[in-house]
Amino acid sequence: SCKVFYAKDPLKIVRAQGQYMFDEKGDKYLDCINNVAHVGHSHPYVIKAATKQMELLNTNSRFLHDNLVQYAQRLTATLPEKLSVCYFVNSGSEANDLALRLARQYRGHQDVITLE
């Protein structure tokens, strides 16, 4: 059920920088798919922060760590008071699944309406 993009003329993407991806021939493509709108590919600040964290601990958020709490506090401090809880997930699919489970728990209903 997973569709391959550009099935008739597949792309072999070998690197990315900012909002662009590059194929094996060096051709440049604007990336409108890969959730890079916020900071882009290979952003030096993100690379530095990720490297620093991976040097300390490279795991997901199922374990307690002060950095998770500190980040949640910094994040919620920028939001309206009613938005005071953070759920850290690793993908849009995981976020959608969590949102659905929370809505079902809150409302007590199992029905869902979706649009294609």
Protein backbone atom coordinates (compact mmCIF):
# COMPACT_ATOMS: atom_id res chain seq x y z
CA SER A 1 0.00 0.00 0.00
CA CYS A 2 3.04 2.28 -0.03
CA LYS A 3 3.31 4.28 -3.24
CA VAL A 4 6.75 4.84 -4.75
CA PHE A 5 7.21 8.43 -5.90
CA TYR A 6 8.36 8.93 -9.48
CA ALA A 7 7.84 5.22 -10.29
CA LYS A 8 8.38 5.74 -14.04
CA ASP A 9 11.52 7.81 -13.56
CA PRO A 10 12.78 7.12 -10.01
CA LEU A 11 14.95 9.65 -8.22
CA LYS A 12 18.05 8.64 -6.32
CA ILE A 13 18.48 11.42 -3.79
CA VAL A 14 21.98 11.45 -2.30
CA ARG A 15 22.08 14.64 -0.19
CA ALA A 16 20.09 17.68 0.87
CA GLN A 17 20.78 21.25 1.96
CA GLY A 18 18.24 23.81 3.15
CA GLN A 19 15.02 23.35 1.19
CA TYR A 20 16.66 21.40 -1.64
CA MET A 21 17.48 17.76 -2.31
CA PHE A 22 20.07 16.66 -4.85
CA ASP A 23 20.14 13.53 -6.97
CA GLU A 24 23.14 11.46 -8.01
CA LYS A 25 23.68 13.69 -11.07
CA GLY A 26 23.67 16.88 -8.99
CA ASP A 27 20.21 18.00 -10.15
CA LYS A 28 18.43 20.13 -7.53
CA TYR A 29 14.83 19.55 -6.39
CA LEU A 30 12.70 21.71 -4.10
CA ASP A 31 11.65 19.50 -1.18
CA CYS A 32 7.92 19.93 -0.59
CA ILE A 33 7.43 16.53 1.06
CA ASN A 34 9.88 15.80 3.87
CA ASN A 35 8.77 18.07 6.75
CA VAL A 36 11.69 20.46 6.33
CA ALA A 37 9.70 23.67 6.14
CA HIS A 38 10.78 24.79 9.62
CA VAL A 39 14.57 24.63 9.41
CA GLY A 40 15.51 22.79 6.23
CA HIS A 41 17.97 19.98 5.65
CA SER A 42 21.44 20.07 7.23
CA HIS A 43 20.76 23.13 9.38
CA PRO A 44 23.98 23.77 11.36
CA TYR A 45 22.17 24.60 14.63
CA VAL A 46 20.08 21.41 14.44
CA ILE A 47 23.14 19.30 13.58
CA LYS A 48 25.06 20.79 16.52
CA ALA A 49 22.18 20.22 18.96
CA ALA A 50 21.54 16.67 17.70
CA THR A 51 25.23 15.77 17.88
CA LYS A 52 25.48 17.14 21.41
CA GLN A 53 22.46 15.09 22.49
CA MET A 54 23.67 11.91 20.76
CA GLU A 55 27.05 12.25 22.47
CA LEU A 56 25.19 12.29 25.79
CA LEU A 57 22.31 9.86 25.21
CA ASN A 58 20.68 8.52 22.05
CA THR A 59 17.30 7.06 22.93
CA ASN A 60 13.63 7.84 22.57
CA SER A 61 11.39 9.53 25.12
CA ARG A 62 10.18 6.42 26.96
CA PHE A 63 12.86 7.00 29.59
CA LEU A 64 12.97 9.95 31.97
CA HIS A 65 15.62 12.56 31.32
CA ASP A 66 15.91 16.17 32.49
CA ASN A 67 16.29 17.46 28.93
CA LEU A 68 12.76 16.31 28.08
CA VAL A 69 11.32 18.14 31.06
CA GLN A 70 13.34 21.28 30.42
CA TYR A 71 12.33 21.34 26.77
CA ALA A 72 8.66 20.85 27.64
CA GLN A 73 8.87 23.72 30.14
CA ARG A 74 10.54 26.03 27.60
CA LEU A 75 8.01 25.09 24.95
CA THR A 76 4.88 25.48 27.10
CA ALA A 77 6.15 28.84 28.38
CA THR A 78 5.62 30.18 24.85
CA LEU A 79 2.03 28.89 24.62
CA PRO A 80 -1.33 29.93 26.10
CA GLU A 81 -1.86 28.61 29.65
CA LYS A 82 -4.40 25.98 28.53
CA LEU A 83 -1.72 24.35 26.36
CA SER A 84 0.38 23.07 29.23
CA VAL A 85 0.99 19.40 28.36
CA CYS A 86 3.54 18.03 25.86
CA TYR A 87 3.52 14.68 24.17
CA PHE A 88 6.75 13.95 22.32
CA VAL A 89 6.40 11.64 19.35
CA ASN A 90 8.69 10.77 16.47
CA SER A 91 6.45 11.07 13.42
CA GLY A 92 3.24 12.52 12.05
CA SER A 93 1.70 9.05 12.04
CA GLU A 94 2.52 8.58 15.70
CA ALA A 95 1.10 12.03 16.47
CA ASN A 96 -2.13 11.22 14.62
CA ASP A 97 -2.44 7.91 16.44
CA LEU A 98 -1.95 9.60 19.81
CA ALA A 99 -4.46 12.36 18.96
CA LEU A 100 -7.05 9.75 18.01
CA ARG A 101 -6.49 7.78 21.22
CA LEU A 102 -6.71 10.94 23.34
CA ALA A 103 -9.92 12.05 21.61
CA ARG A 104 -11.49 8.61 22.09
CA GLN A 105 -10.52 8.59 25.77
CA TYR A 106 -11.81 12.14 26.35
CA ARG A 107 -15.10 11.78 24.48
CA GLY A 108 -15.77 8.13 25.26
CA HIS A 109 -16.65 7.39 21.62
CA GLN A 110 -14.96 5.11 19.11
CA ASP A 111 -16.45 6.55 15.88
CA VAL A 112 -14.20 8.46 13.49
CA ILE A 113 -14.94 10.43 10.34
CA THR A 114 -12.10 10.87 7.88
CA LEU A 115 -11.72 12.60 4.54
CA GLU A 116 -9.72 11.18 1.67
